[in-house]
C-alpha atoms as a PDB file:
ATOM      1  CA  MET A   1    -137.096 -55.218 -28.922  1.00  0.00           C
ATOM      2  CA  VAL A   2    -138.507 -52.713 -31.374  1.00  0.00           C
ATOM      3  CA  LYS A   3    -135.932 -50.568 -33.109  1.00  0.00           C
ATOM      4  CA  LYS A   4    -136.363 -46.759 -33.028  1.00  0.00           C
ATOM      5  CA  ILE A   5    -135.997 -44.684 -36.188  1.00  0.00           C
ATOM      6  CA  ILE A   6    -135.880 -40.944 -36.803  1.00  0.00           C
ATOM      7  CA  ILE A   7    -138.077 -39.448 -39.531  1.00  0.00           C
ATOM      8  CA  ARG A   8    -139.100 -35.910 -40.520  1.00  0.00           C
ATOM      9  CA  CYS A   9    -142.633 -34.677 -40.014  1.00  0.00           C
ATOM     10  CA  PRO A  10    -144.235 -34.007 -43.421  1.00  0.00           C
ATOM     11  CA  LYS A  11    -145.888 -30.787 -42.151  1.00  0.00           C
ATOM     12  CA  CYS A  12    -143.334 -28.993 -39.951  1.00  0.00           C
ATOM     13  CA  LYS A  13    -140.191 -30.797 -41.239  1.00  0.00           C
ATOM     14  CA  LYS A  14    -138.861 -31.387 -37.703  1.00  0.00           C
ATOM     15  CA  LYS A  15    -137.380 -34.699 -36.625  1.00  0.00           C
ATOM     16  CA  MET A  16    -139.395 -37.180 -34.615  1.00  0.00           C
ATOM     17  CA  LYS A  17    -138.403 -40.512 -33.136  1.00  0.00           C
ATOM     18  CA  ILE A  18    -140.789 -43.429 -33.761  1.00  0.00           C
ATOM     19  CA  SER A  19    -140.642 -47.192 -33.357  1.00  0.00           C
ATOM     20  CA  ASP A  20    -139.998 -49.316 -36.438  1.00  0.00           C
ATOM     21  CA  LYS A  21    -143.466 -50.843 -36.715  1.00  0.00           C
ATOM     22  CA  PRO A  22    -146.391 -49.754 -38.895  1.00  0.00           C
ATOM     23  CA  ALA A  23    -148.784 -47.524 -36.907  1.00  0.00           C
ATOM     24  CA  LYS A  24    -150.095 -43.946 -36.576  1.00  0.00           C
ATOM     25  CA  TYR A  25    -147.755 -41.498 -34.851  1.00  0.00           C
ATOM     26  CA  ARG A  26    -148.362 -37.903 -33.708  1.00  0.00           C
ATOM     27  CA  CYS A  27    -145.674 -35.281 -34.247  1.00  0.00           C
ATOM     28  CA  PRO A  28    -144.611 -33.865 -30.847  1.00  0.00           C
ATOM     29  CA  HIS A  29    -144.018 -30.392 -32.346  1.00  0.00           C
ATOM     30  CA  CYS A  30    -147.092 -29.653 -34.489  1.00  0.00           C
ATOM     31  CA  GLY A  31    -149.528 -32.462 -33.562  1.00  0.00           C
ATOM     32  CA  GLU A  32    -149.820 -33.766 -37.126  1.00  0.00           C
ATOM     33  CA  VAL A  33    -150.781 -37.468 -37.344  1.00  0.00           C
ATOM     34  CA  TYR A  34    -148.285 -39.436 -39.415  1.00  0.00           C
ATOM     35  CA  LYS A  35    -149.237 -42.877 -40.694  1.00  0.00           C
ATOM     36  CA  TYR A  36    -146.208 -45.165 -40.912  1.00  0.00           C
ATOM     37  CA  THR A  37    -147.163 -48.115 -43.149  1.00  0.00           C
ATOM     38  CA  THR A  38    -145.383 -51.273 -44.255  1.00  0.00           C
ATOM     39  CA  LEU A  39    -144.853 -49.737 -47.697  1.00  0.00           C
ATOM     40  CA  LYS A  40    -143.136 -46.698 -46.169  1.00  0.00           C
ATOM     41  CA  LYS A  41    -141.062 -49.027 -44.029  1.00  0.00           C
ATOM     42  CA  VAL A  42    -139.838 -50.881 -47.132  1.00  0.00           C
ATOM     43  CA  ILE A  43    -139.170 -47.637 -48.996  1.00  0.00           C
ATOM     44  CA  SER A  44    -137.215 -46.176 -46.068  1.00  0.00           C
ATOM     45  CA  TYR A  45    -134.862 -49.177 -46.044  1.00  0.00           C
ATOM     46  CA  PRO A  46    -134.132 -49.990 -49.701  1.00  0.00           C
ATOM     47  CA  GLY A  47    -130.764 -51.463 -48.768  1.00  0.00           C
ATOM     48  CA  ARG A  48    -132.350 -54.222 -46.689  1.00  0.00           C
ATOM     49  CA  VAL A  49    -134.708 -55.123 -49.532  1.00  0.00           C
ATOM     50  CA  VAL A  50    -131.870 -55.284 -52.058  1.00  0.00           C
ATOM     51  CA  VAL A  51    -129.752 -57.383 -49.685  1.00  0.00           C
ATOM     52  CA  GLY A  52    -132.704 -59.740 -49.176  1.00  0.00           C
ATOM     53  CA  ILE A  53    -133.193 -60.122 -52.925  1.00  0.00           C
ATOM     54  CA  PHE A  54    -129.499 -60.887 -53.480  1.00  0.00           C
ATOM     55  CA  GLN A  55    -129.465 -63.337 -50.569  1.00  0.00           C
ATOM     56  CA  THR A  56    -132.461 -65.166 -52.042  1.00  0.00           C
ATOM     57  CA  GLY A  57    -130.729 -65.277 -55.423  1.00  0.00           C
ATOM     58  CA  ASN A  58    -127.553 -66.659 -53.856  1.00  0.00           C
ATOM     59  CA  ASP A  59    -129.541 -69.321 -51.995  1.00  0.00           C
ATOM     60  CA  ILE A  60    -131.255 -70.395 -55.220  1.00  0.00           C
ATOM     61  CA  VAL A  61    -127.926 -70.615 -57.079  1.00  0.00           C
ATOM     62  CA  LYS A  62    -126.312 -72.636 -54.266  1.00  0.00           C
ATOM     63  CA  GLY A  63    -129.279 -75.012 -54.196  1.00  0.00           C
ATOM     64  CA  ILE A  64    -129.096 -75.571 -57.943  1.00  0.00           C
ATOM     65  CA  LYS A  65    -125.315 -76.168 -57.785  1.00  0.00           C
ATOM     66  CA  THR A  66    -125.727 -78.672 -54.955  1.00  0.00           C
ATOM     67  CA  LYS A  67    -128.443 -80.597 -56.789  1.00  0.00           C
ATOM     68  CA  TYR A  68    -126.370 -80.571 -59.982  1.00  0.00           C
ATOM     69  CA  ASN A  69    -123.286 -81.926 -58.178  1.00  0.00           C
ATOM     70  CA  ASN A  70    -125.321 -84.642 -56.441  1.00  0.00           C
ATOM     71  CA  THR A  71    -126.889 -85.703 -59.734  1.00  0.00           C
ATOM     72  CA  ARG A  72    -123.520 -85.700 -61.507  1.00  0.00           C
ATOM     73  CA  ASN A  73    -121.923 -87.827 -58.787  1.00  0.00           C
ATOM     74  CA  ALA A  74    -124.823 -90.281 -58.882  1.00  0.00           C
ATOM     75  CA  ALA A  75    -124.473 -90.556 -62.670  1.00  0.00           C
ATOM     76  CA  LYS A  76    -120.728 -91.230 -62.353  1.00  0.00           C
ATOM     77  CA  TYR A  77    -121.389 -93.934 -59.784  1.00  0.00           C
ATOM     78  CA  MET A  78    -124.021 -95.564 -61.997  1.00  0.00           C
ATOM     79  CA  GLN A  79    -121.590 -95.538 -64.940  1.00  0.00           C
ATOM     80  CA  GLN A  80    -119.002 -97.332 -62.809  1.00  0.00           C
ATOM     81  CA  VAL A  81    -121.578 -99.886 -61.704  1.00  0.00           C
ATOM     82  CA  LYS A  82    -122.649-100.475 -65.300  1.00  0.00           C
ATOM     83  CA  LYS A  83    -119.024-100.817 -66.449  1.00  0.00           C
ATOM     84  CA  ASN A  84    -118.186-103.310 -63.689  1.00  0.00           C
ATOM     85  CA  MET A  85    -121.348-105.322 -64.292  1.00  0.00           C
ATOM     86  CA  LYS A  86    -120.462-105.712 -67.971  1.00  0.00           C
ATOM     87  CA  SER A  87    -116.943-106.943 -67.276  1.00  0.00           C
ATOM     88  CA  ASN A  88    -117.839-109.220 -64.348  1.00  0.00           C
ATOM     89  CA  PRO A  89    -121.479-109.925 -63.467  1.00  0.00           C
ATOM     90  CA  ASN A  90    -120.489-111.204 -60.009  1.00  0.00           C
ATOM     91  CA  TRP A  91    -118.389-108.189 -59.067  1.00  0.00           C
ATOM     92  CA  SER A  92    -120.508-107.238 -56.094  1.00  0.00           C
ATOM     93  CA  ASN A  93    -120.857-110.809 -54.766  1.00  0.00           C
ATOM     94  CA  VAL A  94    -124.086-109.829 -53.010  1.00  0.00           C
ATOM     95  CA  GLU A  95    -126.092-112.783 -54.257  1.00  0.00           C
ATOM     96  CA  ARG A  96    -123.192-115.169 -53.677  1.00  0.00           C
ATOM     97  CA  GLU A  97    -122.862-113.904 -50.072  1.00  0.00           C
ATOM     98  CA  LYS A  98    -126.597-114.343 -49.465  1.00  0.00           C
ATOM     99  CA  ASN A  99    -126.499-117.913 -50.737  1.00  0.00           C
ATOM    100  CA  ARG A 100    -123.416-118.684 -48.652  1.00  0.00           C
ATOM    101  CA  MET A 101    -125.117-117.341 -45.511  1.00  0.00           C
ATOM    102  CA  LYS A 102    -128.221-119.445 -46.194  1.00  0.00           C
ATOM    103  CA  GLU A 103    -126.078-122.561 -46.608  1.00  0.00           C
ATOM    104  CA  ALA A 104    -124.219-121.810 -43.383  1.00  0.00           C
ATOM    105  CA  GLU A 105    -127.506-121.429 -41.512  1.00  0.00           C
ATOM    106  CA  LYS A 106    -128.736-124.742 -42.882  1.00  0.00           C
ATOM    107  CA  THR A 107    -125.599-126.593 -41.781  1.00  0.00           C
ATOM    108  CA  ASN A 108    -125.734-125.109 -38.284  1.00  0.00           C
ATOM    109  CA  LYS A 109    -129.348-126.151 -37.721  1.00  0.00           C
ATOM    110  CA  LYS A 110    -129.766-129.369 -35.840  1.00  0.00           C
ATOM    111  CA  SER A 111    -132.365-131.744 -37.095  1.00  0.00           C
ATOM    112  CA  PHE A 112    -134.796-133.721 -34.954  1.00  0.00           C
ATOM    113  CA  PHE A 113    -132.921-136.967 -35.578  1.00  0.00           C
ATOM    114  CA  ASP A 114    -129.587-135.549 -34.342  1.00  0.00           C
ATOM    115  CA  LYS A 115    -130.799-136.183 -30.798  1.00  0.00           C
ATOM    116  CA  PHE A 116    -130.846-139.952 -31.392  1.00  0.00           C
ATOM    117  CA  LYS A 117    -127.392-140.181 -32.991  1.00  0.00           C
ATOM    118  CA  LYS A 118    -124.501-141.490 -30.915  1.00  0.00           C
ATOM    119  CA  LYS A 119    -121.729-139.103 -30.216  1.00  0.00           C
END
C-alpha cells in the first residue's frame, strides 16, 4: 500500500495530499503541476536516510567482529592442535583407529577355503 504524504504547493503554498511515489501531481487549489522526484523524496525524509546509513554501518561492524572472532577461535584451536601434536604425535588416534578397523574387517572376512574346513 502506498503511503500518503502532505506537502505544500510551491505556487499557492496550500497543503496537498499526494502518494509517496515519484510522479507528477496537480495542485487541487491552483492547478499547478508539481513534479515529485526520487531526489525530493530522499530530501523530504532525511531521517530515514540517516537511519539507513547507520544501520549499514552497524551491519558492517557486526560482520567484521564476527569474522574476527571466528578467525581468532580457529587460531586458538590450531595452536592447541599444534601443542598436542608436539607432545604426543598419536594424540588423535585417527590413523591408529583406521588401521584397527581395517584389521577387524580382514579378520571378519571368510576366505574361500573356510568352506572346506571342518567345524
